[in-house]
Amino acid sequence: MTNRPQPTWRSLMFVPVTAERFVAKAHTRGADAIILDLEDSILPAHKEAARSALAAAVPRVAQSGADVVVRINRPLTLAIPDIAAAVMPGVTALMLPKVMGPEHVRLLSEVVAEHEAAQGMEIGHTRFLALIESPAALPHLFAIAAEPRMAGMSVGGEDMATELGAIPSADSMYVFAMQGLAAARAAGILPMGSMGQLAKIDDLDSYRAGLRRGRALGFTTAACIHPLHVPIINEEYGASAAELDRARRLIAAFEAADAGAVAFEGSMVDLPVVERARRLVARAAAWHKTGA
């Protein structure tokens, strides 16, 4: 399996692959990655047409530098033809809904590898983003996150709340989202999510507050369905020029001191603080490609 660097996405925006007006404008929205959807936004009768539309849609949504992700369907009768249509050099990752465990991931990985090999692609080119949407998968979070193709994980959502008999909210998903965050961090992959309203899209202040809380808890990446959410995600899960300037100065002061801790602008700074600053600077280096 390849050792390609992990993505540094802040924002991912869903686009139904058969919706021409959304596909046409997707590259202008500023998202770090575009998720071409074959799952929930596509009616069963239109699944084959959606697969057929992928090859033309991928370069169109990527033309401003965004990476391309494809969300496939969960049932194997749909997932296998989805993979056959989606695996191509221009697709960075597949989003896997309703992941049940590492064996599920490995099965899909075998199918993906066959298609990569058939196209002469590097085995492992196609990363995975896992959506954990069932309580039955919760005991397997760390094993799922550690699978070699994995690039990110999200735990919770409407499906999880439904199976739990809960009202979907930041409170009802908190424990499970944090378990997923810990598993993602342990595996070195993107912890995806926020701690705001799950379905309410028109309250932008509430949406921002959920992202701000999510960042404070350790989340780095969020997916959205509305273009208005993209710049908010990029701001809250990104870094301002002032934040980056302070991080660089903090790193320089610590390295110049050659000590275990150093006073910096009224605070004592030690290695964990410096490491957070280094991670921020490293992530920000990749964000310029989508113009943000």
C-alpha atoms as a PDB file:
ATOM      1  CA  MET A   1       0.000   0.000   0.000  1.00  0.00           C
ATOM      2  CA  THR A   2       1.290   3.425  -0.926  1.00  0.00           C
ATOM      3  CA  ASN A   3       2.563   5.868   1.712  1.00  0.00           C
ATOM      4  CA  ARG A   4       1.082   8.960   0.055  1.00  0.00           C
ATOM      5  CA  PRO A   5       0.555  11.900   2.433  1.00  0.00           C
ATOM      6  CA  GLN A   6      -2.819  12.175   4.109  1.00  0.00           C
ATOM      7  CA  PRO A   7      -5.148  14.927   2.849  1.00  0.00           C
ATOM      8  CA  THR A   8      -5.437  18.162   4.826  1.00  0.00           C
ATOM      9  CA  TRP A   9      -9.039  19.009   3.963  1.00  0.00           C
ATOM     10  CA  ARG A  10     -11.106  21.449   5.974  1.00  0.00           C
ATOM     11  CA  SER A  11     -14.286  21.434   3.874  1.00  0.00           C
ATOM     12  CA  LEU A  12     -15.978  18.813   1.713  1.00  0.00           C
ATOM     13  CA  MET A  13     -19.140  19.697  -0.203  1.00  0.00           C
ATOM     14  CA  PHE A  14     -21.704  17.166  -1.427  1.00  0.00           C
ATOM     15  CA  VAL A  15     -22.858  17.472  -5.044  1.00  0.00           C
ATOM     16  CA  PRO A  16     -25.401  15.083  -6.617  1.00  0.00           C
ATOM     17  CA  VAL A  17     -23.529  13.870  -9.656  1.00  0.00           C
ATOM     18  CA  THR A  18     -26.603  14.063 -11.908  1.00  0.00           C
ATOM     19  CA  ALA A  19     -27.528  17.637 -10.911  1.00  0.00           C
ATOM     20  CA  GLU A  20     -25.994  19.638 -13.757  1.00  0.00           C
ATOM     21  CA  ARG A  21     -26.445  23.077 -12.187  1.00  0.00           C
ATOM     22  CA  PHE A  22     -24.637  21.967  -9.029  1.00  0.00           C
ATOM     23  CA  VAL A  23     -21.859  20.175 -10.898  1.00  0.00           C
ATOM     24  CA  ALA A  24     -21.303  23.217 -13.124  1.00  0.00           C
ATOM     25  CA  LYS A  25     -20.712  25.546 -10.170  1.00  0.00           C
ATOM     26  CA  ALA A  26     -19.015  23.170  -7.746  1.00  0.00           C
ATOM     27  CA  HIS A  27     -15.490  24.313  -8.660  1.00  0.00           C
ATOM     28  CA  THR A  28     -16.351  27.911  -7.727  1.00  0.00           C
ATOM     29  CA  ARG A  29     -17.403  27.187  -4.141  1.00  0.00           C
ATOM     30  CA  GLY A  30     -13.952  27.031  -2.521  1.00  0.00           C
ATOM     31  CA  ALA A  31     -14.298  23.578  -0.961  1.00  0.00           C
ATOM     32  CA  ASP A  32     -11.107  21.616  -0.417  1.00  0.00           C
ATOM     33  CA  ALA A  33     -12.870  18.530  -1.802  1.00  0.00           C
ATOM     34  CA  ILE A  34     -16.069  17.885  -3.735  1.00  0.00           C
ATOM     35  CA  ILE A  35     -18.076  14.775  -2.879  1.00  0.00           C
ATOM     36  CA  LEU A  36     -19.849  13.505  -5.976  1.00  0.00           C
ATOM     37  CA  ASP A  37     -22.768  11.620  -4.487  1.00  0.00           C
ATOM     38  CA  LEU A  38     -24.102   8.283  -5.705  1.00  0.00           C
ATOM     39  CA  GLU A  39     -25.990   7.526  -2.489  1.00  0.00           C
ATOM     40  CA  ASP A  40     -28.772   9.423  -0.726  1.00  0.00           C
ATOM     41  CA  SER A  41     -29.265  12.220  -3.259  1.00  0.00           C
ATOM     42  CA  ILE A  42     -29.746   9.759  -6.145  1.00  0.00           C
ATOM     43  CA  LEU A  43     -33.052   7.923  -6.528  1.00  0.00           C
ATOM     44  CA  PRO A  44     -32.804   4.125  -7.053  1.00  0.00           C
ATOM     45  CA  ALA A  45     -33.995   4.417 -10.643  1.00  0.00           C
ATOM     46  CA  HIS A  46     -31.192   6.865 -11.424  1.00  0.00           C
ATOM     47  CA  LYS A  47     -28.227   4.991  -9.934  1.00  0.00           C
ATOM     48  CA  GLU A  48     -26.895   3.737 -13.266  1.00  0.00           C
ATOM     49  CA  ALA A  49     -27.190   7.166 -14.856  1.00  0.00           C
ATOM     50  CA  ALA A  50     -25.280   8.612 -11.918  1.00  0.00           C
ATOM     51  CA  ARG A  51     -22.436   6.126 -12.403  1.00  0.00           C
ATOM     52  CA  SER A  52     -22.317   6.970 -16.085  1.00  0.00           C
ATOM     53  CA  ALA A  53     -22.074  10.684 -15.264  1.00  0.00           C
ATOM     54  CA  LEU A  54     -19.017  10.320 -13.010  1.00  0.00           C
ATOM     55  CA  ALA A  55     -16.250  10.292 -15.619  1.00  0.00           C
ATOM     56  CA  ALA A  56     -17.306  13.639 -17.097  1.00  0.00           C
ATOM     57  CA  ALA A  57     -18.103  15.236 -13.718  1.00  0.00           C
ATOM     58  CA  VAL A  58     -14.763  14.494 -12.033  1.00  0.00           C
ATOM     59  CA  PRO A  59     -12.560  16.863 -14.082  1.00  0.00           C
ATOM     60  CA  ARG A  60     -15.237  19.557 -14.070  1.00  0.00           C
ATOM     61  CA  VAL A  61     -15.545  19.798 -10.295  1.00  0.00           C
ATOM     62  CA  ALA A  62     -11.760  19.524  -9.886  1.00  0.00           C
ATOM     63  CA  GLN A  63     -10.814  22.300 -12.309  1.00  0.00           C
ATOM     64  CA  SER A  64     -10.003  24.854  -9.575  1.00  0.00           C
ATOM     65  CA  GLY A  65      -7.854  22.441  -7.597  1.00  0.00           C
ATOM     66  CA  ALA A  66     -10.340  20.677  -5.313  1.00  0.00           C
ATOM     67  CA  ASP A  67      -9.857  16.980  -4.691  1.00  0.00           C
ATOM     68  CA  VAL A  68     -12.682  14.663  -5.704  1.00  0.00           C
ATOM     69  CA  VAL A  69     -14.413  12.147  -3.437  1.00  0.00           C
ATOM     70  CA  VAL A  70     -17.214   9.807  -4.490  1.00  0.00           C
ATOM     71  CA  ARG A  71     -19.793   8.594  -1.963  1.00  0.00           C
ATOM     72  CA  ILE A  72     -20.835   5.089  -2.907  1.00  0.00           C
ATOM     73  CA  ASN A  73     -23.849   3.062  -1.766  1.00  0.00           C
ATOM     74  CA  ARG A  74     -23.802   0.576   1.114  1.00  0.00           C
ATOM     75  CA  PRO A  75     -25.416  -2.615  -0.365  1.00  0.00           C
ATOM     76  CA  LEU A  76     -22.818  -4.677  -2.199  1.00  0.00           C
ATOM     77  CA  THR A  77     -25.089  -4.996  -5.234  1.00  0.00           C
ATOM     78  CA  LEU A  78     -24.744  -1.227  -5.601  1.00  0.00           C
ATOM     79  CA  ALA A  79     -21.306  -0.691  -4.053  1.00  0.00           C
ATOM     80  CA  ILE A  80     -19.459  -2.948  -6.493  1.00  0.00           C
ATOM     81  CA  PRO A  81     -20.687  -1.211  -9.684  1.00  0.00           C
ATOM     82  CA  ASP A  82     -20.226   2.143  -7.907  1.00  0.00           C
ATOM     83  CA  ILE A  83     -16.574   1.281  -7.295  1.00  0.00           C
ATOM     84  CA  ALA A  84     -16.114   0.155 -10.891  1.00  0.00           C
ATOM     85  CA  ALA A  85     -17.356   3.548 -12.071  1.00  0.00           C
ATOM     86  CA  ALA A  86     -15.582   5.650  -9.445  1.00  0.00           C
ATOM     87  CA  VAL A  87     -12.037   4.298  -9.332  1.00  0.00           C
ATOM     88  CA  MET A  88      -9.980   6.505 -11.649  1.00  0.00           C
ATOM     89  CA  PRO A  89      -6.872   8.684 -11.326  1.00  0.00           C
ATOM     90  CA  GLY A  90      -8.919  11.842 -10.749  1.00  0.00           C
ATOM     91  CA  VAL A  91     -10.752  10.461  -7.712  1.00  0.00           C
ATOM     92  CA  THR A  92      -8.824  10.830  -4.467  1.00  0.00           C
ATOM     93  CA  ALA A  93     -11.148   8.921  -2.150  1.00  0.00           C
ATOM     94  CA  LEU A  94     -14.372   6.986  -1.774  1.00  0.00           C
ATOM     95  CA  MET A  95     -16.768   7.830   1.038  1.00  0.00           C
ATOM     96  CA  LEU A  96     -18.129   4.617   2.547  1.00  0.00           C
ATOM     97  CA  PRO A  97     -21.530   4.912   4.243  1.00  0.00           C
ATOM     98  CA  LYS A  98     -22.714   2.702   7.109  1.00  0.00           C
ATOM     99  CA  VAL A  99     -19.340   1.026   7.661  1.00  0.00           C
ATOM    100  CA  MET A 100     -19.749  -1.973   9.971  1.00  0.00           C
ATOM    101  CA  GLY A 101     -16.178  -3.030  10.747  1.00  0.00           C
ATOM    102  CA  PRO A 102     -12.657  -3.581   9.409  1.00  0.00           C
ATOM    103  CA  GLU A 103     -13.707  -6.670   7.452  1.00  0.00           C
ATOM    104  CA  HIS A 104     -16.240  -4.566   5.567  1.00  0.00           C
ATOM    105  CA  VAL A 105     -13.495  -2.063   4.719  1.00  0.00           C
ATOM    106  CA  ARG A 106     -11.086  -4.798   3.609  1.00  0.00           C
ATOM    107  CA  LEU A 107     -13.675  -6.340   1.318  1.00  0.00           C
ATOM    108  CA  LEU A 108     -14.233  -3.021  -0.432  1.00  0.00           C
ATOM    109  CA  SER A 109     -10.485  -2.411  -0.532  1.00  0.00           C
ATOM    110  CA  GLU A 110      -9.977  -5.666  -2.425  1.00  0.00           C
ATOM    111  CA  VAL A 111     -12.535  -4.602  -5.024  1.00  0.00           C
ATOM    112  CA  VAL A 112     -10.907  -1.173  -5.337  1.00  0.00           C
ATOM    113  CA  ALA A 113      -7.439  -2.716  -5.729  1.00  0.00           C
ATOM    114  CA  GLU A 114      -8.651  -4.860  -8.638  1.00  0.00           C
ATOM    115  CA  HIS A 115      -9.875  -1.777 -10.472  1.00  0.00           C
ATOM    116  CA  GLU A 116      -6.721   0.206  -9.675  1.00  0.00           C
ATOM    117  CA  ALA A 117      -4.621  -2.625 -11.089  1.00  0.00           C
ATOM    118  CA  ALA A 118      -6.776  -2.892 -14.207  1.00  0.00           C
ATOM    119  CA  GLN A 119      -6.184   0.797 -14.914  1.00  0.00           C
ATOM    120  CA  GLY A 120      -2.459   0.704 -14.156  1.00  0.00           C
ATOM    121  CA  MET A 121      -2.927   2.883 -11.088  1.00  0.00           C
ATOM    122  CA  GLU A 122      -0.821   2.667  -7.966  1.00  0.00           C
ATOM    123  CA  ILE A 123      -2.430   0.255  -5.511  1.00  0.00           C
ATOM    124  CA  GLY A 124      -3.629   2.372  -2.607  1.00  0.00           C
ATOM    125  CA  HIS A 125      -4.190   5.535  -4.666  1.00  0.00           C
ATOM    126  CA  THR A 126      -7.876   5.533  -3.700  1.00  0.00           C
ATOM    127  CA  ARG A 127      -8.372   6.517  -0.053  1.00  0.00           C
ATOM    128  CA  PHE A 128     -11.438   5.836   2.091  1.00  0.00           C
ATOM    129  CA  LEU A 129     -13.574   8.081   4.284  1.00  0.00           C
ATOM    130  CA  ALA A 130     -15.646   6.040   6.736  1.00  0.00           C
ATOM    131  CA  LEU A 131     -19.114   7.073   7.860  1.00  0.00           C
ATOM    132  CA  ILE A 132     -20.014   5.272  11.097  1.00  0.00           C
ATOM    133  CA  GLU A 133     -23.805   5.388  11.249  1.00  0.00           C
ATOM    134  CA  SER A 134     -24.765   2.371  13.367  1.00  0.00           C
ATOM    135  CA  PRO A 135     -24.253   1.534  17.064  1.00  0.00           C
ATOM    136  CA  ALA A 136     -23.108  -1.958  16.012  1.00  0.00           C
ATOM    137  CA  ALA A 137     -19.968  -0.446  14.472  1.00  0.00           C
ATOM    138  CA  LEU A 138     -18.916   1.522  17.564  1.00  0.00           C
ATOM    139  CA  PRO A 139     -16.788  -1.275  19.127  1.00  0.00           C
ATOM    140  CA  HIS A 140     -14.715  -1.375  15.920  1.00  0.00           C
ATOM    141  CA  LEU A 141     -13.827   2.317  15.573  1.00  0.00           C
ATOM    142  CA  PHE A 142     -10.099   1.973  16.227  1.00  0.00           C
ATOM    143  CA  ALA A 143      -9.777  -1.019  13.884  1.00  0.00           C
ATOM    144  CA  ILE A 144     -11.681   0.764  11.117  1.00  0.00           C
ATOM    145  CA  ALA A 145      -9.592   3.916  11.472  1.00  0.00           C
ATOM    146  CA  ALA A 146      -6.364   1.889  11.249  1.00  0.00           C
ATOM    147  CA  GLU A 147      -7.194   0.314   7.876  1.00  0.00           C
ATOM    148  CA  PRO A 148      -4.446   1.298   5.369  1.00  0.00           C
ATOM    149  CA  ARG A 149      -6.656   3.166   2.880  1.00  0.00           C
ATOM    150  CA  MET A 150      -8.424   5.203   5.551  1.00  0.00           C
ATOM    151  CA  ALA A 151      -8.060   8.995   5.351  1.00  0.00           C
ATOM    152  CA  GLY A 152     -10.893  10.182   7.586  1.00  0.00           C
ATOM    153  CA  MET A 153     -13.777   9.114   9.789  1.00  0.00           C
ATOM    154  CA  SER A 154     -17.098  10.589  10.860  1.00  0.00           C
ATOM    155  CA  VAL A 155     -19.292   9.128  13.600  1.00  0.00           C
ATOM    156  CA  GLY A 156     -22.935  10.008  14.148  1.00  0.00           C
ATOM    157  CA  GLY A 157     -25.554  11.632  11.970  1.00  0.00           C
ATOM    158  CA  GLU A 158     -29.209  11.062  11.287  1.00  0.00           C
ATOM    159  CA  ASP A 159     -28.900   7.297  10.772  1.00  0.00           C
ATOM    160  CA  MET A 160     -27.074   6.809  14.058  1.00  0.00           C
ATOM    161  CA  ALA A 161     -29.659   8.887  15.922  1.00  0.00           C
ATOM    162  CA  THR A 162     -32.483   6.894  14.340  1.00  0.00           C
ATOM    163  CA  GLU A 163     -30.982   3.566  15.425  1.00  0.00           C
ATOM    164  CA  LEU A 164     -30.429   4.908  18.928  1.00  0.00           C
ATOM    165  CA  GLY A 165     -33.988   6.198  19.139  1.00  0.00           C
ATOM    166  CA  ALA A 166     -32.550   9.650  19.787  1.00  0.00           C
ATOM    167  CA  ILE A 167     -33.284  13.123  18.498  1.00  0.00           C
ATOM    168  CA  PRO A 168     -30.241  14.067  16.373  1.00  0.00           C
ATOM    169  CA  SER A 169     -28.318  16.792  18.156  1.00  0.00           C
ATOM    170  CA  ALA A 170     -24.849  17.691  19.357  1.00  0.00           C
ATOM    171  CA  ASP A 171     -25.757  16.323  22.778  1.00  0.00           C
ATOM    172  CA  SER A 172     -27.059  12.953  21.588  1.00  0.00           C
ATOM    173  CA  MET A 173     -24.035  12.411  19.328  1.00  0.00           C
ATOM    174  CA  TYR A 174     -21.350  13.845  21.616  1.00  0.00           C
ATOM    175  CA  VAL A 175     -20.054  10.637  23.216  1.00  0.00           C
ATOM    176  CA  PHE A 176     -19.937   8.716  19.943  1.00  0.00           C
ATOM    177  CA  ALA A 177     -18.400  11.592  17.988  1.00  0.00           C
ATOM    178  CA  MET A 178     -15.626  11.885  20.567  1.00  0.00           C
ATOM    179  CA  GLN A 179     -14.966   8.143  20.390  1.00  0.00           C
ATOM    180  CA  GLY A 180     -14.564   8.520  16.643  1.00  0.00           C
ATOM    181  CA  LEU A 181     -12.286  11.507  17.092  1.00  0.00           C
ATOM    182  CA  ALA A 182     -10.028   9.516  19.431  1.00  0.00           C
ATOM    183  CA  ALA A 183      -9.883   6.613  16.962  1.00  0.00           C
ATOM    184  CA  ALA A 184      -9.086   8.959  14.079  1.00  0.00           C
ATOM    185  CA  ARG A 185      -6.331  10.722  16.010  1.00  0.00           C
ATOM    186  CA  ALA A 186      -4.801   7.417  17.087  1.00  0.00           C
ATOM    187  CA  ALA A 187      -4.665   6.316  13.441  1.00  0.00           C
ATOM    188  CA  GLY A 188      -3.405   9.663  12.142  1.00  0.00           C
ATOM    189  CA  ILE A 189      -6.434  10.292   9.925  1.00  0.00           C
ATOM    190  CA  LEU A 190      -8.857  13.215   9.662  1.00  0.00           C
ATOM    191  CA  PRO A 191     -11.432  13.488  12.479  1.00  0.00           C
ATOM    192  CA  MET A 192     -14.520  14.611  10.604  1.00  0.00           C
ATOM    193  CA  GLY A 193     -17.523  16.319  12.152  1.00  0.00           C
ATOM    194  CA  SER A 194     -18.828  19.260  14.129  1.00  0.00           C
ATOM    195  CA  MET A 195     -20.970  19.750  17.214  1.00  0.00           C
ATOM    196  CA  GLY A 196     -23.855  21.747  15.788  1.00  0.00           C
ATOM    197  CA  GLN A 197     -27.284  21.107  14.309  1.00  0.00           C
ATOM    198  CA  LEU A 198     -27.239  18.061  12.040  1.00  0.00           C
ATOM    199  CA  ALA A 199     -29.974  18.989   9.558  1.00  0.00           C
ATOM    200  CA  LYS A 200     -30.717  22.699  10.037  1.00  0.00           C
ATOM    201  CA  ILE A 201     -28.909  24.522   7.224  1.00  0.00           C
ATOM    202  CA  ASP A 202     -30.265  28.078   7.266  1.00  0.00           C
ATOM    203  CA  ASP A 203     -29.076  29.222  10.731  1.00  0.00           C
ATOM    204  CA  LEU A 204     -25.531  30.204   9.819  1.00  0.00           C
ATOM    205  CA  ASP A 205     -24.688  31.567  13.262  1.00  0.00           C
ATOM    206  CA  SER A 206     -25.644  28.257  14.872  1.00  0.00           C
ATOM    207  CA  TYR A 207     -23.727  26.404  12.182  1.00  0.00           C
ATOM    208  CA  ARG A 208     -20.606  28.447  12.885  1.00  0.00           C
ATOM    209  CA  ALA A 209     -20.972  27.910  16.631  1.00  0.00           C
ATOM    210  CA  GLY A 210     -21.113  24.141  16.096  1.00  0.00           C
ATOM    211  CA  LEU A 211     -17.939  24.228  14.039  1.00  0.00           C
ATOM    212  CA  ARG A 212     -16.196  26.413  16.597  1.00  0.00           C
ATOM    213  CA  ARG A 213     -17.079  23.944  19.323  1.00  0.00           C
ATOM    214  CA  GLY A 214     -15.965  21.089  17.089  1.00  0.00           C
ATOM    215  CA  ARG A 215     -12.563  22.671  16.488  1.00  0.00           C
ATOM    216  CA  ALA A 216     -12.067  23.223  20.214  1.00  0.00           C
ATOM    217  CA  LEU A 217     -12.748  19.506  20.740  1.00  0.00           C
ATOM    218  CA  GLY A 218     -10.269  18.460  18.057  1.00  0.00           C
ATOM    219  CA  PHE A 219     -12.214  18.078  14.804  1.00  0.00           C
ATOM    220  CA  THR A 220     -10.474  19.325  11.662  1.00  0.00           C
ATOM    221  CA  THR A 221     -12.814  18.552   8.771  1.00  0.00           C
ATOM    222  CA  ALA A 222     -16.509  18.809   7.973  1.00  0.00           C
ATOM    223  CA  ALA A 223     -18.773  17.928   5.061  1.00  0.00           C
ATOM    224  CA  CYS A 224     -21.687  20.117   4.012  1.00  0.00           C
ATOM    225  CA  ILE A 225     -24.552  20.145   1.533  1.00  0.00           C
ATOM    226  CA  HIS A 226     -24.919  23.908   1.031  1.00  0.00           C
ATOM    227  CA  PRO A 227     -22.386  26.241  -0.647  1.00  0.00           C
ATOM    228  CA  LEU A 228     -22.949  28.895   2.035  1.00  0.00           C
ATOM    229  CA  HIS A 229     -21.397  26.543   4.567  1.00  0.00           C
ATOM    230  CA  VAL A 230     -18.091  26.143   2.726  1.00  0.00           C
ATOM    231  CA  PRO A 231     -16.485  29.489   3.651  1.00  0.00           C
ATOM    232  CA  ILE A 232     -17.657  29.093   7.250  1.00  0.00           C
ATOM    233  CA  ILE A 233     -15.999  25.685   7.507  1.00  0.00           C
ATOM    234  CA  ASN A 234     -12.830  27.011   5.898  1.00  0.00           C
ATOM    235  CA  GLU A 235     -12.687  29.860   8.404  1.00  0.00           C
ATOM    236  CA  GLU A 236     -13.468  27.832  11.513  1.00  0.00           C
ATOM    237  CA  TYR A 237     -11.419  24.739  10.614  1.00  0.00           C
ATOM    238  CA  GLY A 238      -8.694  26.769   8.959  1.00  0.00           C
ATOM    239  CA  ALA A 239      -6.458  29.542  10.268  1.00  0.00           C
ATOM    240  CA  SER A 240      -6.405  33.290   9.804  1.00  0.00           C
ATOM    241  CA  ALA A 241      -3.286  35.136   8.730  1.00  0.00           C
ATOM    242  CA  ALA A 242      -2.915  36.385  12.310  1.00  0.00           C
ATOM    243  CA  GLU A 243      -3.155  32.849  13.723  1.00  0.00           C
ATOM    244  CA  LEU A 244      -0.532  31.564  11.300  1.00  0.00           C
ATOM    245  CA  ASP A 245       1.782  34.491  12.011  1.00  0.00           C
ATOM    246  CA  ARG A 246       1.537  33.870  15.753  1.00  0.00           C
ATOM    247  CA  ALA A 247       2.108  30.132  15.278  1.00  0.00           C
ATOM    248  CA  ARG A 248       5.258  30.743  13.244  1.00  0.00           C
ATOM    249  CA  ARG A 249       6.598  33.232  15.770  1.00  0.00           C
ATOM    250  CA  LEU A 250       5.840  30.846  18.627  1.00  0.00           C
ATOM    251  CA  ILE A 251       7.711  28.022  16.893  1.00  0.00           C
ATOM    252  CA  ALA A 252      10.684  30.288  16.181  1.00  0.00           C
ATOM    253  CA  ALA A 253      10.830  31.504  19.784  1.00  0.00           C
ATOM    254  CA  PHE A 254      10.723  27.975  21.168  1.00  0.00           C
ATOM    255  CA  GLU A 255      13.413  26.692  18.798  1.00  0.00           C
ATOM    256  CA  ALA A 256      15.663  29.688  19.458  1.00  0.00           C
ATOM    257  CA  ALA A 257      15.418  29.197  23.223  1.00  0.00           C
ATOM    258  CA  ASP A 258      16.632  25.574  23.034  1.00  0.00           C
ATOM    259  CA  ALA A 259      14.795  24.811  26.284  1.00  0.00           C
ATOM    260  CA  GLY A 260      11.881  22.705  27.497  1.00  0.00           C
ATOM    261  CA  ALA A 261       9.668  25.765  27.941  1.00  0.00           C
ATOM    262  CA  VAL A 262       9.802  29.418  26.971  1.00  0.00           C
ATOM    263  CA  ALA A 263       7.887  32.580  27.797  1.00  0.00           C
ATOM    264  CA  PHE A 264       5.976  33.832  24.746  1.00  0.00           C
ATOM    265  CA  GLU A 265       3.693  36.864  24.750  1.00  0.00           C
ATOM    266  CA  GLY A 266       2.736  36.463  28.388  1.00  0.00           C
ATOM    267  CA  SER A 267       2.322  32.670  28.388  1.00  0.00           C
ATOM    268  CA  MET A 268       4.598  29.723  29.132  1.00  0.00           C
ATOM    269  CA  VAL A 269       4.970  27.574  26.040  1.00  0.00           C
ATOM    270  CA  ASP A 270       6.125  23.966  26.118  1.00  0.00           C
ATOM    271  CA  LEU A 271       6.360  21.187  23.546  1.00  0.00           C
ATOM    272  CA  PRO A 272       2.633  20.233  23.264  1.00  0.00           C
ATOM    273  CA  VAL A 273       1.755  23.867  22.507  1.00  0.00           C
ATOM    274  CA  VAL A 274       4.521  24.054  19.929  1.00  0.00           C
ATOM    275  CA  GLU A 275       3.392  20.804  18.345  1.00  0.00           C
ATOM    276  CA  ARG A 276      -0.126  22.206  17.852  1.00  0.00           C
ATOM    277  CA  ALA A 277       1.383  25.263  16.192  1.00  0.00           C
ATOM    278  CA  ARG A 278       3.518  23.094  13.912  1.00  0.00           C
ATOM    279  CA  ARG A 279       0.498  21.034  12.856  1.00  0.00           C
ATOM    280  CA  LEU A 280      -1.459  24.177  12.056  1.00  0.00           C
ATOM    281  CA  VAL A 281       1.324  25.589   9.888  1.00  0.00           C
ATOM    282  CA  ALA A 282       1.793  22.254   8.103  1.00  0.00           C
ATOM    283  CA  ARG A 283      -1.926  21.918   7.337  1.00  0.00           C
ATOM    284  CA  ALA A 284      -2.188  25.495   6.113  1.00  0.00           C
ATOM    285  CA  ALA A 285       0.566  24.916   3.560  1.00  0.00           C
ATOM    286  CA  ALA A 286      -1.817  22.761   1.525  1.00  0.00           C
ATOM    287  CA  TRP A 287      -4.862  25.027   1.595  1.00  0.00           C
ATOM    288  CA  HIS A 288      -3.695  27.547  -1.005  1.00  0.00           C
ATOM    289  CA  LYS A 289      -4.458  25.185  -3.877  1.00  0.00           C
ATOM    290  CA  THR A 290      -8.227  25.792  -3.663  1.00  0.00           C
ATOM    291  CA  GLY A 291      -7.765  29.544  -3.330  1.00  0.00           C
ATOM    292  CA  ALA A 292      -8.523  29.779   0.384  1.00  0.00           C
END
